[in-house]
Amino acid sequence: MEIPKYIQNKIKQQNEACKKASKLEAEIENWCQLSGFDPYSKEYEEIKGRLVDAVAPLNADKIKEIANRIEY
């Protein structure tokens, strides 16, 4: 099954958003360190949550593999 171009674009957009979110997270953690706030403390980890729990990048090749196994 061919993945529609608009879905391929959405996968690309989601992956780009995940990269941007990772960069933002790194900037925030850098600020925390510079300000004397430990971004690796248990307290910070509890309030921050995990980026992967929010949105994770998609592997377009794996999605295509799954789609190719679907028979109509």
N, C-alpha and C. Protein backbone atom coordinates (compact mmCIF):
# COMPACT_ATOMS: atom_id res chain seq x y z
N MET A 1 0.85 -1.17 0.00
CA MET A 1 0.00 0.00 0.00
C MET A 1 0.90 1.24 0.00
N GLU A 2 0.58 2.14 -0.86
CA GLU A 2 1.33 3.40 -0.94
C GLU A 2 0.81 4.37 0.12
N ILE A 3 1.72 4.97 0.85
CA ILE A 3 1.33 5.97 1.84
C ILE A 3 1.10 7.29 1.11
N PRO A 4 -0.07 7.89 1.29
CA PRO A 4 -0.37 9.14 0.59
C PRO A 4 0.65 10.24 0.93
N LYS A 5 0.89 11.08 -0.05
CA LYS A 5 1.87 12.16 0.10
C LYS A 5 1.54 13.05 1.31
N TYR A 6 0.23 13.35 1.52
CA TYR A 6 -0.12 14.23 2.63
C TYR A 6 0.20 13.58 3.98
N ILE A 7 0.12 12.24 4.06
CA ILE A 7 0.49 11.55 5.30
C ILE A 7 2.01 11.56 5.45
N GLN A 8 2.72 11.36 4.36
CA GLN A 8 4.19 11.45 4.41
C GLN A 8 4.61 12.82 4.92
N ASN A 9 3.92 13.87 4.45
CA ASN A 9 4.23 15.23 4.90
C ASN A 9 3.93 15.41 6.38
N LYS A 10 2.85 14.80 6.86
CA LYS A 10 2.50 14.91 8.28
C LYS A 10 3.53 14.19 9.14
N ILE A 11 4.02 13.05 8.68
CA ILE A 11 5.07 12.33 9.40
C ILE A 11 6.32 13.21 9.48
N LYS A 12 6.67 13.82 8.36
CA LYS A 12 7.83 14.71 8.32
C LYS A 12 7.64 15.88 9.29
N GLN A 13 6.44 16.47 9.29
CA GLN A 13 6.16 17.60 10.19
C GLN A 13 6.26 17.17 11.66
N GLN A 14 5.73 15.98 11.97
CA GLN A 14 5.79 15.51 13.35
C GLN A 14 7.23 15.28 13.77
N ASN A 15 8.03 14.68 12.91
CA ASN A 15 9.44 14.43 13.23
C ASN A 15 10.19 15.74 13.42
N GLU A 16 9.90 16.74 12.59
CA GLU A 16 10.54 18.05 12.74
C GLU A 16 10.12 18.71 14.05
N ALA A 17 8.85 18.57 14.42
CA ALA A 17 8.36 19.13 15.68
C ALA A 17 9.04 18.46 16.87
N CYS A 18 9.28 17.16 16.78
CA CYS A 18 9.98 16.45 17.86
C CYS A 18 11.41 16.95 18.01
N LYS A 19 12.08 17.17 16.88
CA LYS A 19 13.45 17.72 16.94
C LYS A 19 13.45 19.10 17.58
N LYS A 20 12.48 19.93 17.19
CA LYS A 20 12.38 21.27 17.75
C LYS A 20 12.11 21.19 19.25
N ALA A 21 11.22 20.29 19.66
CA ALA A 21 10.90 20.13 21.08
C ALA A 21 12.13 19.68 21.86
N SER A 22 12.93 18.81 21.28
CA SER A 22 14.16 18.36 21.95
C SER A 22 15.13 19.51 22.13
N LYS A 23 15.25 20.35 21.11
CA LYS A 23 16.14 21.52 21.21
C LYS A 23 15.65 22.48 22.28
N LEU A 24 14.33 22.71 22.33
CA LEU A 24 13.76 23.60 23.35
C LEU A 24 13.99 23.03 24.75
N GLU A 25 13.81 21.74 24.89
CA GLU A 25 14.04 21.09 26.18
C GLU A 25 15.50 21.27 26.61
N ALA A 26 16.42 21.11 25.67
CA ALA A 26 17.84 21.28 25.97
C ALA A 26 18.15 22.71 26.40
N GLU A 27 17.53 23.69 25.74
CA GLU A 27 17.75 25.09 26.11
C GLU A 27 17.22 25.38 27.52
N ILE A 28 16.07 24.81 27.84
CA ILE A 28 15.50 25.00 29.18
C ILE A 28 16.41 24.36 30.23
N GLU A 29 16.88 23.15 29.96
CA GLU A 29 17.77 22.48 30.91
C GLU A 29 19.09 23.23 31.06
N ASN A 30 19.58 23.82 29.98
CA ASN A 30 20.80 24.62 30.05
C ASN A 30 20.57 25.83 30.95
N TRP A 31 19.42 26.50 30.78
CA TRP A 31 19.09 27.65 31.63
C TRP A 31 19.02 27.21 33.09
N CYS A 32 18.40 26.06 33.34
CA CYS A 32 18.30 25.55 34.71
C CYS A 32 19.69 25.38 35.32
N GLN A 33 20.59 24.76 34.58
CA GLN A 33 21.94 24.54 35.08
C GLN A 33 22.65 25.86 35.35
N LEU A 34 22.54 26.81 34.44
CA LEU A 34 23.19 28.10 34.61
C LEU A 34 22.60 28.88 35.79
N SER A 35 21.34 28.60 36.12
CA SER A 35 20.66 29.30 37.21
C SER A 35 20.81 28.59 38.54
N GLY A 36 21.52 27.47 38.55
CA GLY A 36 21.71 26.74 39.80
C GLY A 36 20.60 25.74 40.10
N PHE A 37 19.74 25.51 39.14
CA PHE A 37 18.63 24.57 39.29
C PHE A 37 19.06 23.26 38.64
N ASP A 38 19.00 22.17 39.37
CA ASP A 38 19.46 20.88 38.86
C ASP A 38 18.39 20.22 37.99
N PRO A 39 18.56 20.24 36.66
CA PRO A 39 17.55 19.64 35.78
C PRO A 39 17.55 18.11 35.84
N TYR A 40 18.48 17.53 36.57
CA TYR A 40 18.53 16.07 36.70
C TYR A 40 18.04 15.60 38.06
N SER A 41 17.54 16.54 38.85
CA SER A 41 17.03 16.18 40.17
C SER A 41 15.72 15.40 40.02
N LYS A 42 15.43 14.60 41.02
CA LYS A 42 14.20 13.81 41.01
C LYS A 42 12.98 14.72 40.92
N GLU A 43 13.01 15.82 41.66
CA GLU A 43 11.89 16.76 41.67
C GLU A 43 11.63 17.32 40.27
N TYR A 44 12.70 17.75 39.60
CA TYR A 44 12.54 18.31 38.25
C TYR A 44 12.03 17.25 37.28
N GLU A 45 12.60 16.05 37.37
CA GLU A 45 12.18 14.97 36.47
C GLU A 45 10.69 14.66 36.64
N GLU A 46 10.19 14.74 37.88
CA GLU A 46 8.78 14.45 38.14
C GLU A 46 7.86 15.50 37.53
N ILE A 47 8.25 16.77 37.59
CA ILE A 47 7.36 17.82 37.08
C ILE A 47 7.49 17.99 35.57
N LYS A 48 8.63 17.64 35.05
CA LYS A 48 8.89 17.84 33.62
C LYS A 48 8.14 16.83 32.76
N GLY A 49 8.06 15.62 33.20
CA GLY A 49 7.51 14.59 32.33
C GLY A 49 8.56 14.19 31.31
N ARG A 50 8.21 13.31 30.46
CA ARG A 50 9.15 12.86 29.43
C ARG A 50 8.64 13.26 28.07
N LEU A 51 9.53 13.77 27.26
CA LEU A 51 9.17 14.19 25.91
C LEU A 51 8.59 13.03 25.11
N VAL A 52 9.16 11.86 25.28
CA VAL A 52 8.66 10.71 24.52
C VAL A 52 7.27 10.29 24.94
N ASP A 53 6.86 10.67 26.15
CA ASP A 53 5.49 10.36 26.57
C ASP A 53 4.50 11.30 25.90
N ALA A 54 4.96 12.44 25.46
CA ALA A 54 4.07 13.42 24.82
C ALA A 54 3.90 13.09 23.34
N VAL A 55 4.98 13.13 22.61
CA VAL A 55 4.96 12.84 21.18
C VAL A 55 6.31 12.25 20.81
N ALA A 56 6.28 11.22 20.04
CA ALA A 56 7.53 10.59 19.61
C ALA A 56 7.62 10.64 18.09
N PRO A 57 8.83 10.72 17.58
CA PRO A 57 8.98 10.73 16.13
C PRO A 57 8.55 9.38 15.53
N LEU A 58 8.09 9.44 14.31
CA LEU A 58 7.65 8.23 13.61
C LEU A 58 8.70 7.81 12.60
N ASN A 59 8.85 6.52 12.45
CA ASN A 59 9.76 5.98 11.45
C ASN A 59 8.95 5.69 10.19
N ALA A 60 9.10 6.55 9.20
CA ALA A 60 8.32 6.44 7.96
C ALA A 60 8.56 5.11 7.26
N ASP A 61 9.78 4.60 7.32
CA ASP A 61 10.07 3.32 6.66
C ASP A 61 9.31 2.18 7.32
N LYS A 62 9.23 2.19 8.64
CA LYS A 62 8.50 1.14 9.36
C LYS A 62 7.01 1.22 9.06
N ILE A 63 6.48 2.45 8.98
CA ILE A 63 5.06 2.61 8.65
C ILE A 63 4.79 2.05 7.25
N LYS A 64 5.70 2.31 6.33
CA LYS A 64 5.53 1.78 4.97
C LYS A 64 5.59 0.26 4.97
N GLU A 65 6.47 -0.33 5.79
CA GLU A 65 6.54 -1.79 5.89
C GLU A 65 5.21 -2.37 6.36
N ILE A 66 4.63 -1.74 7.39
CA ILE A 66 3.34 -2.20 7.91
C ILE A 66 2.26 -2.04 6.85
N ALA A 67 2.25 -0.89 6.18
CA ALA A 67 1.25 -0.63 5.14
C ALA A 67 1.36 -1.65 4.01
N ASN A 68 2.57 -2.05 3.68
CA ASN A 68 2.77 -3.01 2.60
C ASN A 68 2.23 -4.40 2.95
N ARG A 69 2.11 -4.70 4.24
CA ARG A 69 1.59 -6.00 4.66
C ARG A 69 0.06 -6.05 4.67
N ILE A 70 -0.57 -4.89 4.56
CA ILE A 70 -2.03 -4.83 4.58
C ILE A 70 -2.56 -5.20 3.20
N GLU A 71 -3.48 -6.12 3.19
CA GLU A 71 -4.08 -6.55 1.92
C GLU A 71 -5.53 -6.09 1.88
N TYR A 72 -5.94 -5.65 0.72
CA TYR A 72 -7.33 -5.22 0.52
C TYR A 72 -8.07 -6.20 -0.32
